[in-house]
Amino acid sequence: MRINGARQFRGNDGNSYFVQDAHKADMHKGKYILTVKVNGVYKLCYDMFYKLLYFNTIKDAQREVLYSADFIRTM
């Protein structure tokens, strides 16, 4: 996996990820949210404590997938 700023990418774990803009009301938490493709549908990604992941840049989201994909959960 290469960190290049693309919104859609595939992680080293084989999952397809997509970085979306956060809702306008949640912009103070971060500009982007991370989703993962599960059974053909993109689902929101949460950390190990089931807190929604927000990021300031797309590259930050890619780094999170690269370094800690084992701790990313979906509902």
PDB file of N, CA and C in Angstrom:
ATOM      1  N   MET A   1       0.833  -1.175   0.000  1.00  0.00           N
ATOM      2  CA  MET A   1       0.000   0.000   0.000  1.00  0.00           C
ATOM      3  C   MET A   1       0.882   1.244   0.000  1.00  0.00           C
ATOM      4  N   ARG A   2       0.510   2.210  -0.801  1.00  0.00           N
ATOM      5  CA  ARG A   2       1.260   3.453  -0.920  1.00  0.00           C
ATOM      6  C   ARG A   2       0.381   4.610  -0.437  1.00  0.00           C
ATOM      7  N   ILE A   3       0.948   5.507   0.334  1.00  0.00           N
ATOM      8  CA  ILE A   3       0.220   6.684   0.809  1.00  0.00           C
ATOM      9  C   ILE A   3       0.354   7.766  -0.250  1.00  0.00           C
ATOM     10  N   ASN A   4      -0.757   8.035  -0.978  1.00  0.00           N
ATOM     11  CA  ASN A   4      -0.673   8.952  -2.102  1.00  0.00           C
ATOM     12  C   ASN A   4      -1.798   9.976  -2.146  1.00  0.00           C
ATOM     13  N   GLY A   5      -2.733   9.962  -1.221  1.00  0.00           N
ATOM     14  CA  GLY A   5      -3.802  10.946  -1.211  1.00  0.00           C
ATOM     15  C   GLY A   5      -5.019  10.569  -2.027  1.00  0.00           C
ATOM     16  N   ALA A   6      -5.086   9.342  -2.547  1.00  0.00           N
ATOM     17  CA  ALA A   6      -6.266   8.907  -3.296  1.00  0.00           C
ATOM     18  C   ALA A   6      -7.401   8.585  -2.327  1.00  0.00           C
ATOM     19  N   ARG A   7      -8.624   8.948  -2.700  1.00  0.00           N
ATOM     20  CA  ARG A   7      -9.762   8.695  -1.815  1.00  0.00           C
ATOM     21  C   ARG A   7     -10.107   7.215  -1.720  1.00  0.00           C
ATOM     22  N   GLN A   8      -9.959   6.486  -2.790  1.00  0.00           N
ATOM     23  CA  GLN A   8     -10.272   5.054  -2.782  1.00  0.00           C
ATOM     24  C   GLN A   8      -8.969   4.279  -2.897  1.00  0.00           C
ATOM     25  N   PHE A   9      -8.783   3.308  -1.999  1.00  0.00           N
ATOM     26  CA  PHE A   9      -7.543   2.542  -1.996  1.00  0.00           C
ATOM     27  C   PHE A   9      -7.785   1.182  -1.372  1.00  0.00           C
ATOM     28  N   ARG A  10      -6.841   0.288  -1.589  1.00  0.00           N
ATOM     29  CA  ARG A  10      -6.904  -1.058  -1.026  1.00  0.00           C
ATOM     30  C   ARG A  10      -5.790  -1.198   0.004  1.00  0.00           C
ATOM     31  N   GLY A  11      -6.166  -1.642   1.204  1.00  0.00           N
ATOM     32  CA  GLY A  11      -5.196  -1.801   2.281  1.00  0.00           C
ATOM     33  C   GLY A  11      -4.420  -3.092   2.145  1.00  0.00           C
ATOM     34  N   ASN A  12      -3.396  -3.250   2.977  1.00  0.00           N
ATOM     35  CA  ASN A  12      -2.597  -4.475   2.968  1.00  0.00           C
ATOM     36  C   ASN A  12      -3.390  -5.678   3.451  1.00  0.00           C
ATOM     37  N   ASP A  13      -4.505  -5.434   4.149  1.00  0.00           N
ATOM     38  CA  ASP A  13      -5.354  -6.525   4.615  1.00  0.00           C
ATOM     39  C   ASP A  13      -6.303  -7.025   3.533  1.00  0.00           C
ATOM     40  N   GLY A  14      -6.283  -6.416   2.346  1.00  0.00           N
ATOM     41  CA  GLY A  14      -7.099  -6.855   1.224  1.00  0.00           C
ATOM     42  C   GLY A  14      -8.448  -6.168   1.126  1.00  0.00           C
ATOM     43  N   ASN A  15      -8.806  -5.336   2.085  1.00  0.00           N
ATOM     44  CA  ASN A  15     -10.086  -4.631   2.062  1.00  0.00           C
ATOM     45  C   ASN A  15      -9.989  -3.365   1.225  1.00  0.00           C
ATOM     46  N   SER A  16     -11.123  -2.972   0.652  1.00  0.00           N
ATOM     47  CA  SER A  16     -11.202  -1.746  -0.121  1.00  0.00           C
ATOM     48  C   SER A  16     -11.721  -0.632   0.785  1.00  0.00           C
ATOM     49  N   TYR A  17     -10.999   0.487   0.839  1.00  0.00           N
ATOM     50  CA  TYR A  17     -11.348   1.611   1.701  1.00  0.00           C
ATOM     51  C   TYR A  17     -11.698   2.819   0.849  1.00  0.00           C
ATOM     52  N   PHE A  18     -12.547   3.686   1.406  1.00  0.00           N
ATOM     53  CA  PHE A  18     -12.949   4.910   0.725  1.00  0.00           C
ATOM     54  C   PHE A  18     -13.029   6.028   1.760  1.00  0.00           C
ATOM     55  N   VAL A  19     -12.407   7.164   1.474  1.00  0.00           N
ATOM     56  CA  VAL A  19     -12.413   8.314   2.379  1.00  0.00           C
ATOM     57  C   VAL A  19     -13.478   9.292   1.886  1.00  0.00           C
ATOM     58  N   GLN A  20     -14.431   9.613   2.770  1.00  0.00           N
ATOM     59  CA  GLN A  20     -15.530  10.507   2.419  1.00  0.00           C
ATOM     60  C   GLN A  20     -15.443  11.791   3.228  1.00  0.00           C
ATOM     61  N   ASP A  21     -16.099  12.838   2.733  1.00  0.00           N
ATOM     62  CA  ASP A  21     -16.181  14.088   3.483  1.00  0.00           C
ATOM     63  C   ASP A  21     -17.080  13.881   4.696  1.00  0.00           C
ATOM     64  N   ALA A  22     -16.688  14.453   5.815  1.00  0.00           N
ATOM     65  CA  ALA A  22     -17.508  14.383   7.023  1.00  0.00           C
ATOM     66  C   ALA A  22     -18.708  15.319   6.871  1.00  0.00           C
ATOM     67  N   HIS A  23     -19.746  15.051   7.636  1.00  0.00           N
ATOM     68  CA  HIS A  23     -20.931  15.898   7.626  1.00  0.00           C
ATOM     69  C   HIS A  23     -20.555  17.290   8.130  1.00  0.00           C
ATOM     70  N   LYS A  24     -21.251  18.290   7.632  1.00  0.00           N
ATOM     71  CA  LYS A  24     -20.920  19.669   7.975  1.00  0.00           C
ATOM     72  C   LYS A  24     -20.975  19.928   9.483  1.00  0.00           C
ATOM     73  N   ALA A  25     -21.886  19.280  10.190  1.00  0.00           N
ATOM     74  CA  ALA A  25     -22.009  19.473  11.637  1.00  0.00           C
ATOM     75  C   ALA A  25     -20.830  18.859  12.393  1.00  0.00           C
ATOM     76  N   ASP A  26     -20.128  17.909  11.776  1.00  0.00           N
ATOM     77  CA  ASP A  26     -19.008  17.229  12.426  1.00  0.00           C
ATOM     78  C   ASP A  26     -17.648  17.716  11.947  1.00  0.00           C
ATOM     79  N   MET A  27     -17.586  18.810  11.220  1.00  0.00           N
ATOM     80  CA  MET A  27     -16.319  19.300  10.677  1.00  0.00           C
ATOM     81  C   MET A  27     -15.325  19.689  11.769  1.00  0.00           C
ATOM     82  N   HIS A  28     -15.799  20.029  12.965  1.00  0.00           N
ATOM     83  CA  HIS A  28     -14.873  20.406  14.034  1.00  0.00           C
ATOM     84  C   HIS A  28     -14.088  19.199  14.545  1.00  0.00           C
ATOM     85  N   LYS A  29     -14.594  17.979  14.309  1.00  0.00           N
ATOM     86  CA  LYS A  29     -13.895  16.762  14.731  1.00  0.00           C
ATOM     87  C   LYS A  29     -12.845  16.342  13.714  1.00  0.00           C
ATOM     88  N   GLY A  30     -13.107  16.609  12.459  1.00  0.00           N
ATOM     89  CA  GLY A  30     -12.197  16.253  11.381  1.00  0.00           C
ATOM     90  C   GLY A  30     -12.893  16.451  10.050  1.00  0.00           C
ATOM     91  N   LYS A  31     -12.124  16.564   8.996  1.00  0.00           N
ATOM     92  CA  LYS A  31     -12.686  16.872   7.684  1.00  0.00           C
ATOM     93  C   LYS A  31     -13.165  15.628   6.937  1.00  0.00           C
ATOM     94  N   TYR A  32     -12.589  14.465   7.246  1.00  0.00           N
ATOM     95  CA  TYR A  32     -12.897  13.243   6.506  1.00  0.00           C
ATOM     96  C   TYR A  32     -13.237  12.089   7.447  1.00  0.00           C
ATOM     97  N   ILE A  33     -14.027  11.138   6.920  1.00  0.00           N
ATOM     98  CA  ILE A  33     -14.311   9.893   7.629  1.00  0.00           C
ATOM     99  C   ILE A  33     -13.882   8.732   6.737  1.00  0.00           C
ATOM    100  N   LEU A  34     -13.644   7.594   7.349  1.00  0.00           N
ATOM    101  CA  LEU A  34     -13.149   6.420   6.635  1.00  0.00           C
ATOM    102  C   LEU A  34     -14.247   5.373   6.553  1.00  0.00           C
ATOM    103  N   THR A  35     -14.412   4.761   5.381  1.00  0.00           N
ATOM    104  CA  THR A  35     -15.361   3.668   5.201  1.00  0.00           C
ATOM    105  C   THR A  35     -14.626   2.476   4.597  1.00  0.00           C
ATOM    106  N   VAL A  36     -15.157   1.277   4.849  1.00  0.00           N
ATOM    107  CA  VAL A  36     -14.574   0.050   4.321  1.00  0.00           C
ATOM    108  C   VAL A  36     -15.673  -0.728   3.602  1.00  0.00           C
ATOM    109  N   LYS A  37     -15.316  -1.396   2.507  1.00  0.00           N
ATOM    110  CA  LYS A  37     -16.289  -2.144   1.714  1.00  0.00           C
ATOM    111  C   LYS A  37     -16.479  -3.532   2.316  1.00  0.00           C
ATOM    112  N   VAL A  38     -17.717  -3.823   2.734  1.00  0.00           N
ATOM    113  CA  VAL A  38     -18.075  -5.118   3.305  1.00  0.00           C
ATOM    114  C   VAL A  38     -19.282  -5.639   2.534  1.00  0.00           C
ATOM    115  N   ASN A  39     -19.124  -6.765   1.843  1.00  0.00           N
ATOM    116  CA  ASN A  39     -20.196  -7.372   1.050  1.00  0.00           C
ATOM    117  C   ASN A  39     -20.793  -6.390   0.037  1.00  0.00           C
ATOM    118  N   GLY A  40     -19.959  -5.598  -0.592  1.00  0.00           N
ATOM    119  CA  GLY A  40     -20.400  -4.681  -1.635  1.00  0.00           C
ATOM    120  C   GLY A  40     -20.948  -3.356  -1.139  1.00  0.00           C
ATOM    121  N   VAL A  41     -20.958  -3.136   0.170  1.00  0.00           N
ATOM    122  CA  VAL A  41     -21.491  -1.905   0.752  1.00  0.00           C
ATOM    123  C   VAL A  41     -20.407  -1.258   1.606  1.00  0.00           C
ATOM    124  N   TYR A  42     -20.243   0.057   1.462  1.00  0.00           N
ATOM    125  CA  TYR A  42     -19.262   0.767   2.286  1.00  0.00           C
ATOM    126  C   TYR A  42     -19.866   1.070   3.653  1.00  0.00           C
ATOM    127  N   LYS A  43     -19.146   0.675   4.722  1.00  0.00           N
ATOM    128  CA  LYS A  43     -19.599   0.899   6.095  1.00  0.00           C
ATOM    129  C   LYS A  43     -18.600   1.788   6.819  1.00  0.00           C
ATOM    130  N   LEU A  44     -19.098   2.557   7.781  1.00  0.00           N
ATOM    131  CA  LEU A  44     -18.245   3.459   8.555  1.00  0.00           C
ATOM    132  C   LEU A  44     -17.249   2.677   9.388  1.00  0.00           C
ATOM    133  N   CYS A  45     -16.076   3.251   9.575  1.00  0.00           N
ATOM    134  CA  CYS A  45     -15.024   2.616  10.370  1.00  0.00           C
ATOM    135  C   CYS A  45     -14.956   3.246  11.756  1.00  0.00           C
ATOM    136  N   TYR A  46     -14.767   2.387  12.748  1.00  0.00           N
ATOM    137  CA  TYR A  46     -14.664   2.807  14.139  1.00  0.00           C
ATOM    138  C   TYR A  46     -13.346   2.297  14.699  1.00  0.00           C
ATOM    139  N   ASP A  47     -12.878   2.924  15.783  1.00  0.00           N
ATOM    140  CA  ASP A  47     -11.673   2.426  16.442  1.00  0.00           C
ATOM    141  C   ASP A  47     -12.049   1.269  17.364  1.00  0.00           C
ATOM    142  N   MET A  48     -11.099   0.786  18.134  1.00  0.00           N
ATOM    143  CA  MET A  48     -11.354  -0.392  18.961  1.00  0.00           C
ATOM    144  C   MET A  48     -12.333  -0.119  20.099  1.00  0.00           C
ATOM    145  N   PHE A  49     -12.619   1.150  20.394  1.00  0.00           N
ATOM    146  CA  PHE A  49     -13.599   1.511  21.421  1.00  0.00           C
ATOM    147  C   PHE A  49     -14.915   1.953  20.791  1.00  0.00           C
ATOM    148  N   TYR A  50     -15.104   1.662  19.498  1.00  0.00           N
ATOM    149  CA  TYR A  50     -16.298   1.995  18.718  1.00  0.00           C
ATOM    150  C   TYR A  50     -16.585   3.493  18.702  1.00  0.00           C
ATOM    151  N   LYS A  51     -15.530   4.258  18.521  1.00  0.00           N
ATOM    152  CA  LYS A  51     -15.624   5.702  18.330  1.00  0.00           C
ATOM    153  C   LYS A  51     -15.338   5.966  16.853  1.00  0.00           C
ATOM    154  N   LEU A  52     -16.197   6.747  16.205  1.00  0.00           N
ATOM    155  CA  LEU A  52     -16.060   7.010  14.777  1.00  0.00           C
ATOM    156  C   LEU A  52     -14.732   7.696  14.478  1.00  0.00           C
ATOM    157  N   LEU A  53     -14.057   7.244  13.423  1.00  0.00           N
ATOM    158  CA  LEU A  53     -12.740   7.774  13.064  1.00  0.00           C
ATOM    159  C   LEU A  53     -12.890   9.014  12.178  1.00  0.00           C
ATOM    160  N   TYR A  54     -12.307  10.126  12.605  1.00  0.00           N
ATOM    161  CA  TYR A  54     -12.257  11.367  11.834  1.00  0.00           C
ATOM    162  C   TYR A  54     -10.798  11.691  11.533  1.00  0.00           C
ATOM    163  N   PHE A  55     -10.568  12.298  10.345  1.00  0.00           N
ATOM    164  CA  PHE A  55      -9.209  12.636   9.935  1.00  0.00           C
ATOM    165  C   PHE A  55      -9.187  14.025   9.322  1.00  0.00           C
ATOM    166  N   ASN A  56      -8.057  14.709   9.464  1.00  0.00           N
ATOM    167  CA  ASN A  56      -7.899  16.046   8.887  1.00  0.00           C
ATOM    168  C   ASN A  56      -7.479  15.990   7.425  1.00  0.00           C
ATOM    169  N   THR A  57      -6.750  14.942   7.024  1.00  0.00           N
ATOM    170  CA  THR A  57      -6.331  14.793   5.629  1.00  0.00           C
ATOM    171  C   THR A  57      -6.594  13.360   5.171  1.00  0.00           C
ATOM    172  N   ILE A  58      -6.626  13.172   3.870  1.00  0.00           N
ATOM    173  CA  ILE A  58      -6.814  11.837   3.304  1.00  0.00           C
ATOM    174  C   ILE A  58      -5.605  10.966   3.614  1.00  0.00           C
ATOM    175  N   LYS A  59      -4.427  11.560   3.598  1.00  0.00           N
ATOM    176  CA  LYS A  59      -3.214  10.792   3.895  1.00  0.00           C
ATOM    177  C   LYS A  59      -3.196  10.296   5.335  1.00  0.00           C
ATOM    178  N   ASP A  60      -3.778  11.051   6.256  1.00  0.00           N
ATOM    179  CA  ASP A  60      -3.887  10.581   7.643  1.00  0.00           C
ATOM    180  C   ASP A  60      -4.751   9.326   7.724  1.00  0.00           C
ATOM    181  N   ALA A  61      -5.822   9.292   6.951  1.00  0.00           N
ATOM    182  CA  ALA A  61      -6.687   8.111   6.922  1.00  0.00           C
ATOM    183  C   ALA A  61      -5.934   6.914   6.343  1.00  0.00           C
ATOM    184  N   GLN A  62      -5.141   7.139   5.311  1.00  0.00           N
ATOM    185  CA  GLN A  62      -4.368   6.050   4.726  1.00  0.00           C
ATOM    186  C   GLN A  62      -3.306   5.545   5.692  1.00  0.00           C
ATOM    187  N   ARG A  63      -2.701   6.440   6.450  1.00  0.00           N
ATOM    188  CA  ARG A  63      -1.713   6.015   7.453  1.00  0.00           C
ATOM    189  C   ARG A  63      -2.363   5.172   8.546  1.00  0.00           C
ATOM    190  N   GLU A  64      -3.575   5.533   8.941  1.00  0.00           N
ATOM    191  CA  GLU A  64      -4.288   4.758   9.959  1.00  0.00           C
ATOM    192  C   GLU A  64      -4.526   3.331   9.471  1.00  0.00           C
ATOM    193  N   VAL A  65      -4.902   3.173   8.209  1.00  0.00           N
ATOM    194  CA  VAL A  65      -5.118   1.839   7.644  1.00  0.00           C
ATOM    195  C   VAL A  65      -3.795   1.093   7.538  1.00  0.00           C
ATOM    196  N   LEU A  66      -2.749   1.772   7.138  1.00  0.00           N
ATOM    197  CA  LEU A  66      -1.451   1.129   6.966  1.00  0.00           C
ATOM    198  C   LEU A  66      -0.884   0.632   8.289  1.00  0.00           C
ATOM    199  N   TYR A  67      -0.961   1.452   9.324  1.00  0.00           N
ATOM    200  CA  TYR A  67      -0.294   1.118  10.583  1.00  0.00           C
ATOM    201  C   TYR A  67      -1.177   0.402  11.596  1.00  0.00           C
ATOM    202  N   SER A  68      -2.488   0.559  11.531  1.00  0.00           N
ATOM    203  CA  SER A  68      -3.337  -0.058  12.557  1.00  0.00           C
ATOM    204  C   SER A  68      -4.647  -0.587  11.989  1.00  0.00           C
ATOM    205  N   ALA A  69      -4.585  -1.306  10.876  1.00  0.00           N
ATOM    206  CA  ALA A  69      -5.788  -1.873  10.273  1.00  0.00           C
ATOM    207  C   ALA A  69      -6.417  -2.948  11.156  1.00  0.00           C
ATOM    208  N   ASP A  70      -5.630  -3.571  12.022  1.00  0.00           N
ATOM    209  CA  ASP A  70      -6.167  -4.611  12.900  1.00  0.00           C
ATOM    210  C   ASP A  70      -7.136  -4.057  13.929  1.00  0.00           C
ATOM    211  N   PHE A  71      -7.043  -2.778  14.235  1.00  0.00           N
ATOM    212  CA  PHE A  71      -7.876  -2.175  15.267  1.00  0.00           C
ATOM    213  C   PHE A  71      -9.091  -1.452  14.711  1.00  0.00           C
ATOM    214  N   ILE A  72      -9.285  -1.469  13.397  1.00  0.00           N
ATOM    215  CA  ILE A  72     -10.426  -0.803  12.773  1.00  0.00           C
ATOM    216  C   ILE A  72     -11.604  -1.770  12.756  1.00  0.00           C
ATOM    217  N   ARG A  73     -12.761  -1.292  13.216  1.00  0.00           N
ATOM    218  CA  ARG A  73     -13.975  -2.109  13.299  1.00  0.00           C
ATOM    219  C   ARG A  73     -15.093  -1.465  12.481  1.00  0.00           C
ATOM    220  N   THR A  74     -16.101  -2.269  12.130  1.00  0.00           N
ATOM    221  CA  THR A  74     -17.319  -1.768  11.494  1.00  0.00           C
ATOM    222  C   THR A  74     -18.518  -2.316  12.249  1.00  0.00           C
ATOM    223  N   MET A  75     -19.656  -1.706  12.027  1.00  0.00           N
ATOM    224  CA  MET A  75     -20.890  -2.196  12.656  1.00  0.00           C
ATOM    225  C   MET A  75     -21.800  -2.758  11.599  1.00  0.00           C
TER     226      MET A  75
END
